[in-house]
Protein backbone atom coordinates (compact mmCIF):
# COMPACT_ATOMS: atom_id res chain seq x y z
CA UNK A 1 97.59 113.69 96.72
CA UNK A 2 100.79 111.94 95.69
CA UNK A 3 103.91 110.67 97.43
CA UNK A 4 107.48 109.81 96.50
CA UNK A 5 108.66 106.60 98.19
CA UNK A 6 111.91 104.69 98.11
CA UNK A 7 112.26 100.91 97.81
CA UNK A 8 114.77 98.58 96.20
CA UNK A 9 117.21 101.44 95.59
CA UNK A 10 114.65 103.27 93.40
CA UNK A 11 112.20 106.12 93.89
CA UNK A 12 108.56 105.97 92.78
CA UNK A 13 105.94 108.73 92.48
CA UNK A 14 102.61 107.16 93.45
CA UNK A 15 98.99 108.11 94.07
CA UNK A 16 96.08 106.17 95.55
CA UNK A 17 94.90 103.48 93.12
CA UNK A 18 98.16 103.24 91.17
CA UNK A 19 99.40 99.77 90.16
CA UNK A 20 103.18 99.47 90.02
CA UNK A 21 105.97 96.90 89.90
CA UNK A 22 108.82 97.15 92.40
CA UNK A 23 111.87 95.06 93.25
CA UNK A 24 110.83 91.79 94.93
CA UNK A 25 109.53 92.21 98.49
CA UNK A 26 109.28 89.59 101.24
CA UNK A 27 105.49 89.27 101.19
CA UNK A 28 102.68 87.16 99.78
CA UNK A 29 99.77 87.92 97.44
CA UNK A 30 96.81 89.36 99.35
CA UNK A 31 98.89 90.94 102.15
CA UNK A 32 98.83 94.65 102.99
CA UNK A 33 102.25 96.27 103.34
CA UNK A 34 103.55 99.70 104.30
CA UNK A 35 106.45 101.78 102.97
CA UNK A 36 107.95 104.01 105.67
CA UNK A 37 110.67 105.52 103.47
CA UNK A 38 108.60 108.45 102.16
CA UNK A 39 110.67 111.31 100.76
CA UNK A 40 107.93 113.69 99.64
CA UNK A 41 104.16 114.22 99.88
CA UNK A 42 102.40 116.57 97.49
CA UNK A 43 98.91 117.94 97.01
CA UNK A 44 97.41 121.16 98.40
CA UNK A 45 100.58 121.44 100.47
CA UNK A 46 103.98 120.00 99.59
CA UNK A 47 106.10 118.36 102.31
CA UNK A 48 109.71 117.41 101.58
CA UNK A 49 111.67 115.14 103.92
CA UNK A 50 115.25 115.54 105.09
CA UNK A 51 115.68 113.00 103.61
CA UNK A 52 112.53 111.18 104.93
CA UNK A 53 109.28 112.51 106.40
CA UNK A 54 108.80 111.39 110.02
CA UNK A 55 105.57 109.47 110.57
CA UNK A 56 104.62 109.38 106.87
CA UNK A 57 103.94 106.14 105.03
CA UNK A 58 102.41 104.63 101.90
CA UNK A 59 100.24 101.53 102.20
CA UNK A 60 99.60 99.02 99.41
CA UNK A 61 97.97 95.66 98.69
CA UNK A 62 100.16 92.91 97.20
CA UNK A 63 98.58 91.65 93.95
CA UNK A 64 101.18 89.00 93.02
CA UNK A 65 104.86 88.02 92.82
CA UNK A 66 105.85 88.17 89.14
CA UNK A 67 108.87 88.27 86.81
CA UNK A 68 109.74 91.07 84.41
CA UNK A 69 110.44 90.90 80.70
CA UNK A 70 113.46 88.89 79.58
CA UNK A 71 116.55 91.09 79.14
CA UNK A 72 119.37 89.94 76.84
CA UNK A 73 122.95 91.17 77.05
CA UNK A 74 126.00 90.17 75.03
CA UNK A 75 129.26 89.12 76.69
CA UNK A 76 132.53 89.23 74.77
CA UNK A 77 135.96 88.65 76.31
CA UNK A 78 138.82 90.67 74.90
CA UNK A 79 141.53 88.66 73.10
CA UNK A 80 139.62 85.39 73.68
CA UNK A 81 138.90 83.98 70.23
CA UNK A 82 135.45 82.45 70.02
CA UNK A 83 134.61 83.39 73.62
CA UNK A 84 131.30 85.14 73.01
CA UNK A 85 127.85 84.45 74.36
CA UNK A 86 124.48 86.01 75.12
CA UNK A 87 122.89 85.85 78.54
CA UNK A 88 119.26 86.30 79.53
CA UNK A 89 117.78 87.54 82.81
CA UNK A 90 114.25 88.00 84.17
CA UNK A 91 114.01 90.07 87.33
CA UNK A 92 111.76 88.98 90.20
CA UNK A 93 109.22 91.74 90.94
CA UNK A 94 106.26 92.44 93.22
CA UNK A 95 103.02 93.81 91.74
CA UNK A 96 101.28 96.31 94.06
CA UNK A 97 98.21 98.52 94.22
CA UNK A 98 98.56 101.71 96.30
CA UNK A 99 95.66 101.99 98.78
CA UNK A 100 96.52 104.89 101.11
CA UNK A 101 98.99 107.72 101.69
CA UNK A 102 99.51 108.68 105.36
CA UNK A 103 101.00 112.06 106.17
CA UNK A 104 101.48 111.16 109.84
CA UNK A 105 100.73 108.49 112.42
CA UNK A 106 102.13 105.67 110.29
CA UNK A 107 104.00 104.05 113.20
CA UNK A 108 100.68 103.18 114.86
CA UNK A 109 99.09 101.57 111.84
CA UNK A 110 100.19 98.01 112.67
CA UNK A 111 100.60 97.10 108.99
CA UNK A 112 103.51 94.91 107.87
CA UNK A 113 106.48 97.06 106.86
CA UNK A 114 107.77 96.40 103.33
CA UNK A 115 111.26 94.85 103.29
CA UNK A 116 113.21 94.13 100.14
CA UNK A 117 114.02 90.47 99.51
CA UNK A 118 117.72 91.25 99.22
CA UNK A 119 117.96 92.85 102.67
CA UNK A 120 115.65 90.66 104.73
CA UNK A 121 117.32 87.71 106.53
CA UNK A 122 114.07 85.75 106.50
CA UNK A 123 113.22 86.47 102.89
CA UNK A 124 112.44 83.50 100.67
CA UNK A 125 115.01 82.61 98.04
CA UNK A 126 114.11 82.80 94.37
CA UNK A 127 112.35 79.58 93.27
CA UNK A 128 114.55 76.99 91.57
CA UNK A 129 113.96 76.04 87.95
CA UNK A 130 113.02 72.48 88.91
CA UNK A 131 110.25 73.76 91.18
CA UNK A 132 109.03 76.12 88.50
CA UNK A 133 108.43 73.24 86.08
CA UNK A 134 105.97 71.64 88.49
CA UNK A 135 103.72 74.69 88.49
CA UNK A 136 101.41 74.76 85.47
CA UNK A 137 99.88 78.11 86.36
CA UNK A 138 101.32 81.26 87.93
CA UNK A 139 100.01 82.30 91.31
CA UNK A 140 96.54 83.68 90.71
CA UNK A 141 95.19 86.98 91.92
CA UNK A 142 93.18 86.46 95.16
CA UNK A 143 89.49 85.66 94.66
CA UNK A 144 88.60 88.94 96.38
CA UNK A 145 90.73 91.00 93.97
CA UNK A 146 89.02 93.77 92.03
CA UNK A 147 88.36 93.67 88.29
CA UNK A 148 91.25 96.11 87.74
CA UNK A 149 93.65 93.82 89.63
CA UNK A 150 92.70 90.86 87.44
CA UNK A 151 93.12 92.92 84.27
CA UNK A 152 96.59 94.04 85.42
CA UNK A 153 97.55 90.43 86.18
CA UNK A 154 96.31 89.17 82.80
CA UNK A 155 98.23 91.90 80.98
CA UNK A 156 101.48 90.86 82.66
CA UNK A 157 101.13 87.09 82.82
CA UNK A 158 98.66 86.19 80.06
CA UNK A 159 96.02 83.48 80.36
CA UNK A 160 96.74 79.74 80.47
CA UNK A 161 95.23 78.07 77.36
CA UNK A 162 92.27 75.88 78.24
CA UNK A 163 93.17 73.31 75.55
CA UNK A 164 96.47 72.08 77.04
CA UNK A 165 96.71 68.27 77.32
CA UNK A 166 98.42 65.78 79.60
CA UNK A 167 99.25 63.53 76.63
CA UNK A 168 98.76 63.56 72.83
CA UNK A 169 95.40 62.44 71.50
CA UNK A 170 95.53 58.84 70.29
CA UNK A 171 99.03 58.53 71.70
CA UNK A 172 100.57 60.33 68.69
CA UNK A 173 101.58 64.00 68.59
CA UNK A 174 101.66 66.16 65.45
CA UNK A 175 105.06 67.03 64.01
CA UNK A 176 105.25 70.56 65.44
CA UNK A 177 108.68 71.01 63.82
CA UNK A 178 106.81 71.80 60.59
CA UNK A 179 106.16 75.25 62.05
CA UNK A 180 108.91 77.68 61.03
CA UNK A 181 111.18 78.40 63.99
CA UNK A 182 110.29 75.23 65.93
CA UNK A 183 113.15 72.78 66.31
CA UNK A 184 113.50 69.59 68.37
CA UNK A 185 114.31 71.48 71.58
CA UNK A 186 111.37 73.89 71.26
CA UNK A 187 109.06 71.03 70.32
CA UNK A 188 110.12 69.29 73.54
CA UNK A 189 109.28 72.44 75.55
CA UNK A 190 105.85 72.57 73.91
CA UNK A 191 105.22 68.95 74.87
CA UNK A 192 106.28 69.68 78.46
CA UNK A 193 103.69 72.45 78.56
CA UNK A 194 100.86 70.31 77.17
CA UNK A 195 100.99 71.28 73.48
CA UNK A 196 100.97 68.32 71.06
CA UNK A 197 98.72 69.28 68.12
CA UNK A 198 98.40 72.03 65.53
CA UNK A 199 94.75 72.71 66.37
CA UNK A 200 95.76 73.60 69.94
CA UNK A 201 98.11 76.35 68.72
CA UNK A 202 95.65 77.63 66.09
CA UNK A 203 93.01 78.29 68.79
CA UNK A 204 95.16 80.63 70.91
CA UNK A 205 94.24 84.29 71.35
CA UNK A 206 96.48 87.22 72.45
CA UNK A 207 96.36 86.36 76.17
CA UNK A 208 97.11 82.66 75.53
CA UNK A 209 100.00 83.69 73.28
CA UNK A 210 101.40 85.95 76.03
CA UNK A 211 101.20 83.05 78.50
CA UNK A 212 103.00 80.60 76.19
CA UNK A 213 105.63 83.22 75.26
CA UNK A 214 106.42 83.45 78.96
CA UNK A 215 106.47 79.67 79.48
CA UNK A 216 108.79 79.16 76.48
CA UNK A 217 110.99 82.19 77.36
CA UNK A 218 110.65 83.51 73.78
CA UNK A 219 109.03 86.94 74.05
CA UNK A 220 107.11 87.68 70.84
CA UNK A 221 108.35 84.53 69.06
CA UNK A 222 104.89 83.09 68.40
CA UNK A 223 103.53 86.20 66.65
CA UNK A 224 106.83 87.08 64.96
CA UNK A 225 107.12 83.67 63.26
CA UNK A 226 103.39 83.41 62.49
CA UNK A 227 102.73 80.22 64.46
CA UNK A 228 98.95 80.67 64.52
CA UNK A 229 98.52 80.94 60.73
CA UNK A 230 100.92 78.06 60.11
CA UNK A 231 99.16 75.86 62.68
CA UNK A 232 95.76 76.58 61.09
CA UNK A 233 97.12 75.55 57.68
CA UNK A 234 98.67 72.30 58.95
CA UNK A 235 95.54 71.46 60.97
CA UNK A 236 93.36 71.96 57.87
CA UNK A 237 95.62 69.64 55.83
CA UNK A 238 95.08 66.88 58.37
CA UNK A 239 91.29 66.99 58.11
């Protein structure tokens, strides 16, 4: 059985067990929510709403509140010499797992109804950048989450490296600017995130790289510039 639901101005075709990302909803990780805007239910018999199906609903568990990939667009003003710039944006999203599709009787379920963050008066505002710096780790999947939920979370957010430090060893950090593509500003960001030495970078795997890409807001930069190989070389020269 599948259903077509509407949320955040978009339509999604879902089935039980599906994991999907939707526009940010006013809910917390671990909550169960319900979508009442169901436009179609399919299976042995197909039911199409006009435009919605009365009493139908889709229920889901909230895995986490996340952010999508960074999108870059170029802005150029006509007849404004030198007035050009690029802007980046990362959309706030909610990661869900579909648990049940109800053909009728949804109004009696008692589950929290899903409300988009943009339309709910009581919805929480997007976190400020200053608050984001204080959080070293993204909100984790609940301890009771299934193995599939944890895999989905790791694929989207990466894994925080276990070798991050509060301060450089011996009070002196390595010159990370030796790595191609790392300048003073990026070196400062690495220090803010607990990276001070070449051997820390050389020990990262794919999930740690995905995490640091997200923290530095440079999607794919670490692998594209070959940070790991360079860090291994510089670490070996220090020994």
